[in-house]
Amino acid sequence: MATKKTDKQKTPAKKPKAAPKKVVKAAAPKGEQKPRHPRGRVTALHGSKEALAKSLAESLAKPDEDTGVIADRLRTASNSQLLRLQHVVDTVKSKYGDRGKLIAKIGSTENKAKDKDFLAKLDGFSLPQLLDLAQSHDKRTRA
């Protein structure tokens, strides 16, 4: 059996690739390090999960709801959910004051401040939903 001989061309040697440079982030000073896990953040900032749930219940409760029932429900929520709710409550307090002022602000931006049915429907929404509505209206007015 005859075999076919081919001329093998020599390929030029490839240059070894340089290793990518590693970006080293500057570590925060020891005194400013915060826990990364939600459980650690809850205990560091609020003492315990129950204390955070109790403080959130007062802010999240509608006028006709019992804060004790809401606090019991919040105790079963995850730490990350409680931290998100805490962020919502802090944002609402700093920007709008309270739930009633937030609803009034949404009504005025929608030009439905006199529409009692619309305001009653907004009153049925949760605080995170109301904050999301207000933020989306703010973005629309800026665009």
Protein backbone atom coordinates (compact mmCIF):
# COMPACT_ATOMS: atom_id res chain seq x y z
CA MET A 1 0.00 0.00 0.00
CA ALA A 2 1.30 3.28 -0.97
CA THR A 3 1.08 6.19 1.38
CA LYS A 4 0.99 9.73 0.36
CA LYS A 5 3.74 11.84 1.75
CA THR A 6 2.95 15.47 2.41
CA ASP A 7 5.29 18.22 3.15
CA LYS A 8 4.69 19.46 6.62
CA GLN A 9 5.07 23.15 6.95
CA LYS A 10 6.62 24.44 10.05
CA THR A 11 4.33 26.82 11.86
CA PRO A 12 5.95 29.75 13.58
CA ALA A 13 6.17 29.33 17.32
CA LYS A 14 3.43 31.19 19.13
CA LYS A 15 4.37 33.70 21.72
CA PRO A 16 3.20 32.76 25.18
CA LYS A 17 0.33 34.95 26.29
CA ALA A 18 0.96 37.20 29.20
CA ALA A 19 -1.09 36.39 32.23
CA PRO A 20 -3.85 38.96 32.80
CA LYS A 21 -3.08 41.39 35.55
CA LYS A 22 -5.10 40.85 38.65
CA VAL A 23 -6.96 43.84 39.98
CA VAL A 24 -6.49 44.05 43.69
CA LYS A 25 -9.22 45.93 45.51
CA ALA A 26 -8.19 47.99 48.45
CA ALA A 27 -9.46 46.45 51.63
CA ALA A 28 -11.61 48.61 53.85
CA PRO A 29 -10.13 49.55 57.20
CA LYS A 30 -10.93 47.10 59.98
CA GLY A 31 -13.26 49.50 61.78
CA GLU A 32 -15.52 50.01 58.73
CA GLN A 33 -16.16 46.40 57.75
CA LYS A 34 -19.80 45.42 57.80
CA PRO A 35 -21.22 41.91 57.77
CA ARG A 36 -22.10 40.63 54.31
CA HIS A 37 -24.63 37.97 55.25
CA PRO A 38 -28.21 39.17 55.87
CA ARG A 39 -28.32 37.58 59.32
CA GLY A 40 -25.17 39.40 60.34
CA ARG A 41 -26.47 42.71 58.99
CA VAL A 42 -29.76 42.32 60.88
CA THR A 43 -28.05 41.56 64.17
CA ALA A 44 -25.41 44.27 63.69
CA LEU A 45 -27.88 47.02 62.78
CA HIS A 46 -30.97 46.11 64.77
CA GLY A 47 -29.98 43.71 67.53
CA SER A 48 -32.37 40.91 66.63
CA LYS A 49 -34.81 39.85 63.99
CA GLU A 50 -37.74 40.34 66.37
CA ALA A 51 -36.74 43.94 67.09
CA LEU A 52 -36.51 44.70 63.37
CA ALA A 53 -39.87 43.04 62.70
CA LYS A 54 -41.50 45.05 65.48
CA SER A 55 -40.11 48.37 64.22
CA LEU A 56 -41.14 47.57 60.64
CA ALA A 57 -44.66 46.58 61.70
CA GLU A 58 -45.38 50.08 62.99
CA SER A 59 -44.36 51.65 59.68
CA LEU A 60 -45.94 49.08 57.36
CA ALA A 61 -49.31 48.85 59.12
CA LYS A 62 -52.29 50.52 57.53
CA PRO A 63 -54.56 52.51 59.87
CA ASP A 64 -57.04 49.64 60.19
CA GLU A 65 -54.47 46.87 60.79
CA ASP A 66 -53.05 45.57 64.06
CA THR A 67 -49.29 45.98 64.37
CA GLY A 68 -48.98 42.85 66.52
CA VAL A 69 -50.36 40.64 63.75
CA ILE A 70 -48.04 42.21 61.19
CA ALA A 71 -45.05 41.82 63.52
CA ASP A 72 -45.85 38.11 63.91
CA ARG A 73 -45.98 37.70 60.13
CA LEU A 74 -42.71 39.57 59.72
CA ARG A 75 -40.94 37.33 62.23
CA THR A 76 -41.32 34.44 59.79
CA ALA A 77 -39.90 36.45 56.87
CA SER A 78 -36.30 36.01 55.80
CA ASN A 79 -33.61 38.42 56.92
CA SER A 80 -33.04 39.69 53.39
CA GLN A 81 -36.76 40.46 53.01
CA LEU A 82 -36.72 42.37 56.28
CA LEU A 83 -33.69 44.37 55.16
CA ARG A 84 -35.42 45.24 51.87
CA LEU A 85 -38.51 46.37 53.76
CA GLN A 86 -36.32 48.43 56.09
CA HIS A 87 -34.80 50.15 53.04
CA VAL A 88 -38.31 50.91 51.69
CA VAL A 89 -39.47 52.32 55.03
CA ASP A 90 -36.35 54.50 55.34
CA THR A 91 -36.78 55.81 51.79
CA VAL A 92 -40.44 56.65 52.33
CA LYS A 93 -39.72 58.42 55.61
CA SER A 94 -36.87 60.47 54.18
CA LYS A 95 -38.52 61.45 50.86
CA TYR A 96 -42.23 61.62 51.60
CA GLY A 97 -42.76 61.55 55.35
CA ASP A 98 -45.39 58.87 55.75
CA ARG A 99 -47.82 56.65 53.85
CA GLY A 100 -50.55 59.32 53.55
CA LYS A 101 -48.21 61.89 52.06
CA LEU A 102 -46.88 59.30 49.62
CA ILE A 103 -50.41 58.50 48.42
CA ALA A 104 -51.15 62.23 48.07
CA LYS A 105 -47.96 62.69 46.06
CA ILE A 106 -48.88 59.86 43.68
CA GLY A 107 -52.38 61.29 43.29
CA SER A 108 -51.04 64.72 42.44
CA THR A 109 -48.51 63.41 39.91
CA GLU A 110 -51.28 61.41 38.20
CA ASN A 111 -53.55 64.50 38.26
CA LYS A 112 -56.09 62.45 40.19
CA ALA A 113 -55.77 64.11 43.58
CA LYS A 114 -59.56 64.67 43.75
CA ASP A 115 -60.49 61.15 42.59
CA LYS A 116 -61.52 59.44 45.84
CA ASP A 117 -61.83 56.00 44.24
CA PHE A 118 -58.28 56.17 42.89
CA LEU A 119 -56.91 57.27 46.25
CA ALA A 120 -58.86 54.50 48.00
CA LYS A 121 -57.35 51.96 45.62
CA LEU A 122 -53.87 53.32 46.32
CA ASP A 123 -54.57 52.98 50.04
CA GLY A 124 -54.98 49.23 49.50
CA PHE A 125 -51.48 48.89 48.02
CA SER A 126 -48.51 47.84 50.10
CA LEU A 127 -45.80 50.36 50.95
CA PRO A 128 -43.25 48.88 48.52
CA GLN A 129 -45.81 49.04 45.70
CA LEU A 130 -46.56 52.67 46.49
CA LEU A 131 -42.87 53.55 46.56
CA ASP A 132 -42.36 51.81 43.22
CA LEU A 133 -45.25 53.81 41.72
CA ALA A 134 -43.82 57.07 43.03
CA GLN A 135 -40.34 56.31 41.74
CA SER A 136 -41.62 55.35 38.28
CA HIS A 137 -43.60 58.62 38.12
CA ASP A 138 -40.48 60.56 39.09
CA LYS A 139 -38.49 58.86 36.32
CA ARG A 140 -41.24 59.60 33.77
CA THR A 141 -41.34 63.28 34.67
CA ARG A 142 -37.56 63.58 34.39
CA ALA A 143 -37.45 61.94 30.94
